[in-house]
PDB file of N, CA and C in Angstrom:
ATOM      1  N   MET A   1       0.351  24.336   9.147  1.00  0.00           N
ATOM      2  CA  MET A   1       0.548  23.272   8.321  1.00  0.00           C
ATOM      3  C   MET A   1       1.240  21.971   9.265  1.00  0.00           C
ATOM      4  N   GLY A   2       0.620  20.729   9.090  1.00  0.00           N
ATOM      5  CA  GLY A   2       1.136  19.948   9.796  1.00  0.00           C
ATOM      6  C   GLY A   2       0.377  19.510  11.405  1.00  0.00           C
ATOM      7  N   ARG A   3       0.946  18.347  12.325  1.00  0.00           N
ATOM      8  CA  ARG A   3       0.274  18.309  13.238  1.00  0.00           C
ATOM      9  C   ARG A   3       0.619  19.269  14.504  1.00  0.00           C
ATOM     10  N   ARG A   4       0.211  19.518  15.227  1.00  0.00           N
ATOM     11  CA  ARG A   4       0.357  20.531  16.065  1.00  0.00           C
ATOM     12  C   ARG A   4       0.924  19.842  17.740  1.00  0.00           C
ATOM     13  N   ALA A   5       1.786  20.455  18.456  1.00  0.00           N
ATOM     14  CA  ALA A   5       2.507  19.502  19.271  1.00  0.00           C
ATOM     15  C   ALA A   5       1.387  19.122  20.603  1.00  0.00           C
ATOM     16  N   GLY A   6       1.770  17.710  20.749  1.00  0.00           N
ATOM     17  CA  GLY A   6       0.828  17.208  21.637  1.00  0.00           C
ATOM     18  C   GLY A   6      -0.517  16.253  20.585  1.00  0.00           C
ATOM     19  N   SER A   7      -0.572  16.316  19.671  1.00  0.00           N
ATOM     20  CA  SER A   7      -1.727  15.888  18.762  1.00  0.00           C
ATOM     21  C   SER A   7      -1.086  14.454  18.783  1.00  0.00           C
ATOM     22  N   ARG A   8      -2.349  13.845  18.606  1.00  0.00           N
ATOM     23  CA  ARG A   8      -2.185  12.058  18.479  1.00  0.00           C
ATOM     24  C   ARG A   8      -2.777  11.252  17.510  1.00  0.00           C
ATOM     25  N   LEU A   9      -2.191  10.600  16.968  1.00  0.00           N
ATOM     26  CA  LEU A   9      -2.776   9.703  16.160  1.00  0.00           C
ATOM     27  C   LEU A   9      -3.777   8.751  16.758  1.00  0.00           C
ATOM     28  N   PRO A  10      -4.379   7.895  15.763  1.00  0.00           N
ATOM     29  CA  PRO A  10      -4.819   6.847  16.900  1.00  0.00           C
ATOM     30  C   PRO A  10      -4.123   5.624  16.919  1.00  0.00           C
ATOM     31  N   GLU A  11      -3.971   4.582  17.797  1.00  0.00           N
ATOM     32  CA  GLU A  11      -2.609   4.236  17.882  1.00  0.00           C
ATOM     33  C   GLU A  11      -2.501   2.590  16.892  1.00  0.00           C
ATOM     34  N   ARG A  12      -3.757   2.660  15.995  1.00  0.00           N
ATOM     35  CA  ARG A  12      -3.746   1.799  14.945  1.00  0.00           C
ATOM     36  C   ARG A  12      -5.113   2.136  14.133  1.00  0.00           C
ATOM     37  N   PRO A  13      -5.239   1.736  13.081  1.00  0.00           N
ATOM     38  CA  PRO A  13      -6.371   2.034  11.879  1.00  0.00           C
ATOM     39  C   PRO A  13      -7.185   1.284  12.285  1.00  0.00           C
ATOM     40  N   ILE A  14      -8.534   1.931  12.350  1.00  0.00           N
ATOM     41  CA  ILE A  14      -9.571   1.529  12.765  1.00  0.00           C
ATOM     42  C   ILE A  14     -10.532   1.193  11.398  1.00  0.00           C
ATOM     43  N   PRO A  15     -10.871  -0.217  11.061  1.00  0.00           N
ATOM     44  CA  PRO A  15     -11.265  -0.730   9.892  1.00  0.00           C
ATOM     45  C   PRO A  15     -13.010  -0.134   9.804  1.00  0.00           C
ATOM     46  N   ARG A  16     -13.305  -0.266   9.231  1.00  0.00           N
ATOM     47  CA  ARG A  16     -15.001   0.627   8.992  1.00  0.00           C
ATOM     48  C   ARG A  16     -16.018  -0.671   8.841  1.00  0.00           C
ATOM     49  N   ASP A  17     -15.469  -1.798   8.965  1.00  0.00           N
ATOM     50  CA  ASP A  17     -16.397  -3.239   8.657  1.00  0.00           C
ATOM     51  C   ASP A  17     -15.562  -4.210   8.696  1.00  0.00           C
ATOM     52  N   GLU A  18     -16.136  -5.346   8.814  1.00  0.00           N
ATOM     53  CA  GLU A  18     -15.599  -6.586   8.728  1.00  0.00           C
ATOM     54  C   GLU A  18     -14.675  -7.108   7.445  1.00  0.00           C
ATOM     55  N   GLU A  19     -15.039  -6.176   6.780  1.00  0.00           N
ATOM     56  CA  GLU A  19     -14.198  -6.671   5.559  1.00  0.00           C
ATOM     57  C   GLU A  19     -13.024  -5.891   5.293  1.00  0.00           C
ATOM     58  N   ALA A  20     -13.004  -4.669   5.721  1.00  0.00           N
ATOM     59  CA  ALA A  20     -11.969  -3.905   6.246  1.00  0.00           C
ATOM     60  C   ALA A  20     -10.950  -4.535   7.099  1.00  0.00           C
ATOM     61  N   ALA A  21     -11.357  -4.947   7.880  1.00  0.00           N
ATOM     62  CA  ALA A  21     -10.715  -5.603   8.914  1.00  0.00           C
ATOM     63  C   ALA A  21      -9.724  -6.511   8.238  1.00  0.00           C
ATOM     64  N   LYS A  22     -10.499  -7.786   7.407  1.00  0.00           N
ATOM     65  CA  LYS A  22      -9.716  -8.540   7.287  1.00  0.00           C
ATOM     66  C   LYS A  22      -8.538  -7.834   6.176  1.00  0.00           C
ATOM     67  N   ALA A  23      -8.842  -7.246   5.401  1.00  0.00           N
ATOM     68  CA  ALA A  23      -7.921  -6.621   4.273  1.00  0.00           C
ATOM     69  C   ALA A  23      -6.698  -6.162   4.945  1.00  0.00           C
ATOM     70  N   LEU A  24      -7.465  -5.168   6.270  1.00  0.00           N
ATOM     71  CA  LEU A  24      -6.201  -4.626   6.994  1.00  0.00           C
ATOM     72  C   LEU A  24      -5.083  -5.337   7.716  1.00  0.00           C
ATOM     73  N   LYS A  25      -5.765  -6.640   8.227  1.00  0.00           N
ATOM     74  CA  LYS A  25      -4.753  -7.403   8.789  1.00  0.00           C
ATOM     75  C   LYS A  25      -3.522  -8.292   7.762  1.00  0.00           C
ATOM     76  N   LYS A  26      -4.277  -7.993   6.630  1.00  0.00           N
ATOM     77  CA  LYS A  26      -3.176  -8.610   5.755  1.00  0.00           C
ATOM     78  C   LYS A  26      -1.969  -7.983   5.169  1.00  0.00           C
ATOM     79  N   ARG A  27      -2.312  -6.650   5.544  1.00  0.00           N
ATOM     80  CA  ARG A  27      -1.528  -5.240   5.136  1.00  0.00           C
ATOM     81  C   ARG A  27      -0.107  -5.027   6.297  1.00  0.00           C
ATOM     82  N   THR A  28       0.565  -6.180   6.248  1.00  0.00           N
ATOM     83  CA  THR A  28       2.124  -5.863   6.796  1.00  0.00           C
ATOM     84  C   THR A  28       3.026  -5.533   6.053  1.00  0.00           C
ATOM     85  N   LEU A  29       4.232  -4.972   6.527  1.00  0.00           N
ATOM     86  CA  LEU A  29       5.783  -4.599   6.064  1.00  0.00           C
ATOM     87  C   LEU A  29       5.997  -6.104   5.260  1.00  0.00           C
ATOM     88  N   THR A  30       5.986  -7.169   5.973  1.00  0.00           N
ATOM     89  CA  THR A  30       6.390  -8.085   5.426  1.00  0.00           C
ATOM     90  C   THR A  30       5.951  -8.394   4.081  1.00  0.00           C
ATOM     91  N   ASN A  31       4.514  -8.753   4.415  1.00  0.00           N
ATOM     92  CA  ASN A  31       3.648  -8.526   2.673  1.00  0.00           C
ATOM     93  C   ASN A  31       4.191  -7.492   1.637  1.00  0.00           C
ATOM     94  N   LEU A  32       4.306  -6.177   2.018  1.00  0.00           N
ATOM     95  CA  LEU A  32       4.603  -5.264   1.526  1.00  0.00           C
ATOM     96  C   LEU A  32       6.175  -5.281   0.629  1.00  0.00           C
ATOM     97  N   TYR A  33       6.852  -5.590   1.592  1.00  0.00           N
ATOM     98  CA  TYR A  33       8.464  -5.925   1.005  1.00  0.00           C
ATOM     99  C   TYR A  33       8.581  -7.346  -0.094  1.00  0.00           C
ATOM    100  N   ASN A  34       7.986  -8.383   0.630  1.00  0.00           N
ATOM    101  CA  ASN A  34       7.367  -9.583  -0.379  1.00  0.00           C
ATOM    102  C   ASN A  34       6.830  -9.435  -1.665  1.00  0.00           C
ATOM    103  N   ALA A  35       5.979  -8.609  -1.964  1.00  0.00           N
ATOM    104  CA  ALA A  35       5.625  -7.723  -3.339  1.00  0.00           C
ATOM    105  C   ALA A  35       6.378  -7.110  -3.607  1.00  0.00           C
ATOM    106  N   ARG A  36       7.005  -6.292  -3.066  1.00  0.00           N
ATOM    107  CA  ARG A  36       8.000  -5.174  -3.476  1.00  0.00           C
ATOM    108  C   ARG A  36       7.749  -4.503  -4.924  1.00  0.00           C
ATOM    109  N   PRO A  37       6.665  -3.396  -4.794  1.00  0.00           N
ATOM    110  CA  PRO A  37       5.905  -2.787  -5.865  1.00  0.00           C
ATOM    111  C   PRO A  37       6.935  -1.776  -6.269  1.00  0.00           C
ATOM    112  N   GLN A  38       6.890  -1.345  -7.319  1.00  0.00           N
ATOM    113  CA  GLN A  38       7.884  -0.623  -8.106  1.00  0.00           C
ATOM    114  C   GLN A  38       7.841   1.142  -7.267  1.00  0.00           C
ATOM    115  N   TRP A  39       7.077   1.282  -6.843  1.00  0.00           N
ATOM    116  CA  TRP A  39       6.733   2.515  -5.888  1.00  0.00           C
ATOM    117  C   TRP A  39       7.936   2.613  -4.603  1.00  0.00           C
ATOM    118  N   LEU A  40       8.108   1.053  -4.330  1.00  0.00           N
ATOM    119  CA  LEU A  40       8.751   1.108  -2.823  1.00  0.00           C
ATOM    120  C   LEU A  40      10.442   0.905  -3.638  1.00  0.00           C
ATOM    121  N   ASP A  41      10.357   0.228  -4.530  1.00  0.00           N
ATOM    122  CA  ASP A  41      12.106   0.349  -4.907  1.00  0.00           C
ATOM    123  C   ASP A  41      12.551   1.762  -5.355  1.00  0.00           C
ATOM    124  N   ASP A  42      11.249   2.622  -6.141  1.00  0.00           N
ATOM    125  CA  ASP A  42      12.038   3.779  -6.414  1.00  0.00           C
ATOM    126  C   ASP A  42      12.021   4.724  -5.222  1.00  0.00           C
ATOM    127  N   ALA A  43      11.288   4.604  -4.128  1.00  0.00           N
ATOM    128  CA  ALA A  43      11.350   5.501  -2.928  1.00  0.00           C
ATOM    129  C   ALA A  43      12.932   4.833  -2.138  1.00  0.00           C
ATOM    130  N   HIS A  44      13.156   3.582  -2.117  1.00  0.00           N
ATOM    131  CA  HIS A  44      14.669   3.254  -1.937  1.00  0.00           C
ATOM    132  C   HIS A  44      15.729   3.970  -2.360  1.00  0.00           C
ATOM    133  N   ALA A  45      15.463   3.318  -3.773  1.00  0.00           N
ATOM    134  CA  ALA A  45      16.623   4.235  -4.934  1.00  0.00           C
ATOM    135  C   ALA A  45      16.978   5.684  -4.389  1.00  0.00           C
ATOM    136  N   ALA A  46      15.711   6.490  -4.375  1.00  0.00           N
ATOM    137  CA  ALA A  46      15.659   7.885  -4.251  1.00  0.00           C
ATOM    138  C   ALA A  46      16.490   8.169  -2.737  1.00  0.00           C
ATOM    139  N   LEU A  47      16.430   7.359  -1.578  1.00  0.00           N
ATOM    140  CA  LEU A  47      16.864   7.464  -0.459  1.00  0.00           C
ATOM    141  C   LEU A  47      17.963   7.233  -0.360  1.00  0.00           C
ATOM    142  N   ASP A  48      18.516   6.123  -1.447  1.00  0.00           N
ATOM    143  CA  ASP A  48      20.047   5.668  -1.384  1.00  0.00           C
ATOM    144  C   ASP A  48      20.704   7.005  -2.005  1.00  0.00           C
ATOM    145  N   ALA A  49      20.169   8.011  -2.780  1.00  0.00           N
ATOM    146  CA  ALA A  49      20.599   8.515  -3.542  1.00  0.00           C
ATOM    147  C   ALA A  49      21.108   9.939  -3.110  1.00  0.00           C
ATOM    148  N   ALA A  50      19.660   9.998  -2.195  1.00  0.00           N
ATOM    149  CA  ALA A  50      20.055  11.599  -1.090  1.00  0.00           C
ATOM    150  C   ALA A  50      20.987  11.345  -0.317  1.00  0.00           C
ATOM    151  N   VAL A  51      21.369  10.357   0.723  1.00  0.00           N
ATOM    152  CA  VAL A  51      22.221   9.829   1.515  1.00  0.00           C
ATOM    153  C   VAL A  51      23.468   9.556   0.520  1.00  0.00           C
ATOM    154  N   ALA A  52      23.457   9.386  -0.271  1.00  0.00           N
ATOM    155  CA  ALA A  52      25.012   9.198  -0.783  1.00  0.00           C
ATOM    156  C   ALA A  52      25.432  11.028  -1.189  1.00  0.00           C
ATOM    157  N   SER A  53      24.605  11.694  -1.681  1.00  0.00           N
ATOM    158  CA  SER A  53      24.750  12.939  -2.067  1.00  0.00           C
ATOM    159  C   SER A  53      24.972  13.678  -0.734  1.00  0.00           C
ATOM    160  N   ALA A  54      24.674  13.481   0.256  1.00  0.00           N
ATOM    161  CA  ALA A  54      24.748  14.380   1.471  1.00  0.00           C
ATOM    162  C   ALA A  54      25.966  13.879   2.142  1.00  0.00           C
ATOM    163  N   TYR A  55      26.584  12.513   1.522  1.00  0.00           N
ATOM    164  CA  TYR A  55      27.826  12.344   2.293  1.00  0.00           C
ATOM    165  C   TYR A  55      28.692  12.469   1.288  1.00  0.00           C
ATOM    166  N   GLY A  56      28.879  13.331  -0.028  1.00  0.00           N
ATOM    167  CA  GLY A  56      29.407  13.584  -0.954  1.00  0.00           C
ATOM    168  C   GLY A  56      29.785  12.239  -1.702  1.00  0.00           C
ATOM    169  N   TRP A  57      29.123  11.093  -1.835  1.00  0.00           N
ATOM    170  CA  TRP A  57      29.459   9.918  -2.446  1.00  0.00           C
ATOM    171  C   TRP A  57      28.886   9.805  -3.940  1.00  0.00           C
ATOM    172  N   ARG A  58      29.636   9.124  -4.699  1.00  0.00           N
ATOM    173  CA  ARG A  58      28.552   8.992  -6.220  1.00  0.00           C
ATOM    174  C   ARG A  58      27.698   7.908  -5.797  1.00  0.00           C
ATOM    175  N   PRO A  59      26.432   8.567  -6.572  1.00  0.00           N
ATOM    176  CA  PRO A  59      25.443   7.750  -6.444  1.00  0.00           C
ATOM    177  C   PRO A  59      25.228   6.197  -6.612  1.00  0.00           C
ATOM    178  N   ASP A  60      26.422   6.090  -7.115  1.00  0.00           N
ATOM    179  CA  ASP A  60      26.207   4.068  -7.428  1.00  0.00           C
ATOM    180  C   ASP A  60      27.358   3.530  -6.685  1.00  0.00           C
ATOM    181  N   ILE A  61      27.678   4.338  -5.453  1.00  0.00           N
ATOM    182  CA  ILE A  61      28.262   3.417  -4.237  1.00  0.00           C
ATOM    183  C   ILE A  61      27.759   2.145  -3.966  1.00  0.00           C
ATOM    184  N   ALA A  62      28.626   1.137  -4.010  1.00  0.00           N
ATOM    185  CA  ALA A  62      28.518  -0.065  -3.613  1.00  0.00           C
ATOM    186  C   ALA A  62      27.914  -0.257  -1.855  1.00  0.00           C
ATOM    187  N   ASP A  63      27.168  -0.976  -1.577  1.00  0.00           N
ATOM    188  CA  ASP A  63      26.708  -1.178  -0.284  1.00  0.00           C
ATOM    189  C   ASP A  63      28.027  -1.147   1.009  1.00  0.00           C
ATOM    190  N   GLU A  64      28.861  -2.133   0.224  1.00  0.00           N
ATOM    191  CA  GLU A  64      29.749  -2.357   1.194  1.00  0.00           C
ATOM    192  C   GLU A  64      30.858  -1.300   1.238  1.00  0.00           C
ATOM    193  N   ASP A  65      31.185  -0.529   0.488  1.00  0.00           N
ATOM    194  CA  ASP A  65      32.049   0.557   0.356  1.00  0.00           C
ATOM    195  C   ASP A  65      31.384   2.090   1.232  1.00  0.00           C
ATOM    196  N   ALA A  66      30.137   2.073   1.464  1.00  0.00           N
ATOM    197  CA  ALA A  66      29.228   3.067   1.971  1.00  0.00           C
ATOM    198  C   ALA A  66      29.397   2.399   3.502  1.00  0.00           C
ATOM    199  N   LEU A  67      29.286   1.154   3.663  1.00  0.00           N
ATOM    200  CA  LEU A  67      29.324   0.901   5.478  1.00  0.00           C
ATOM    201  C   LEU A  67      30.515   1.043   5.771  1.00  0.00           C
ATOM    202  N   ARG A  68      32.123   0.688   5.024  1.00  0.00           N
ATOM    203  CA  ARG A  68      33.161   0.916   4.963  1.00  0.00           C
ATOM    204  C   ARG A  68      33.350   2.350   5.359  1.00  0.00           C
ATOM    205  N   ALA A  69      32.686   3.566   4.402  1.00  0.00           N
ATOM    206  CA  ALA A  69      33.009   4.491   4.778  1.00  0.00           C
ATOM    207  C   ALA A  69      32.167   4.889   6.189  1.00  0.00           C
ATOM    208  N   LEU A  70      31.240   5.076   6.384  1.00  0.00           N
ATOM    209  CA  LEU A  70      30.275   5.147   7.360  1.00  0.00           C
ATOM    210  C   LEU A  70      31.182   4.969   8.619  1.00  0.00           C
ATOM    211  N   LEU A  71      31.872   3.722   8.468  1.00  0.00           N
ATOM    212  CA  LEU A  71      32.521   3.153   9.944  1.00  0.00           C
ATOM    213  C   LEU A  71      33.979   4.050  10.142  1.00  0.00           C
ATOM    214  N   ALA A  72      34.617   4.321   8.527  1.00  0.00           N
ATOM    215  CA  ALA A  72      35.632   5.455   8.914  1.00  0.00           C
ATOM    216  C   ALA A  72      35.397   6.419   9.445  1.00  0.00           C
ATOM    217  N   LEU A  73      34.353   7.042   9.521  1.00  0.00           N
ATOM    218  CA  LEU A  73      33.770   8.099   9.562  1.00  0.00           C
ATOM    219  C   LEU A  73      33.330   8.138  11.215  1.00  0.00           C
ATOM    220  N   ASN A  74      32.913   7.082  11.807  1.00  0.00           N
ATOM    221  CA  ASN A  74      32.705   6.828  13.326  1.00  0.00           C
ATOM    222  C   ASN A  74      33.880   6.490  14.023  1.00  0.00           C
ATOM    223  N   GLY A  75      35.246   6.492  13.604  1.00  0.00           N
ATOM    224  CA  GLY A  75      36.181   6.119  14.251  1.00  0.00           C
ATOM    225  C   GLY A  75      36.273   4.610  14.118  1.00  0.00           C
ATOM    226  N   GLY A  76      35.705   4.085  13.331  1.00  0.00           N
ATOM    227  CA  GLY A  76      35.872   2.467  13.018  1.00  0.00           C
ATOM    228  C   GLY A  76      37.384   2.200  12.559  1.00  0.00           C
ATOM    229  N   ASN A  77      37.846   0.934  11.901  1.00  0.00           N
ATOM    230  CA  ASN A  77      39.030   0.992  11.530  1.00  0.00           C
ATOM    231  C   ASN A  77      38.858   0.996  10.195  1.00  0.00           C
TER     232      ASN A  77
END
């Protein structure tokens, strides 16, 4: 299961034709985050909840509180 050590994926996706090449050129992270589809919001929420759980924080911890706690854990003020 999964890739074997040493196996490589292509450097970049290879479009099958000119139409696909034009569509692929528009597929950027900027465009994805500007569109902000629901599945992406859901993925970020799930990741935030998993990180909070791993640190023993409440799931709705505010970003500033999480950053403050991380700084304290890493020897910051």
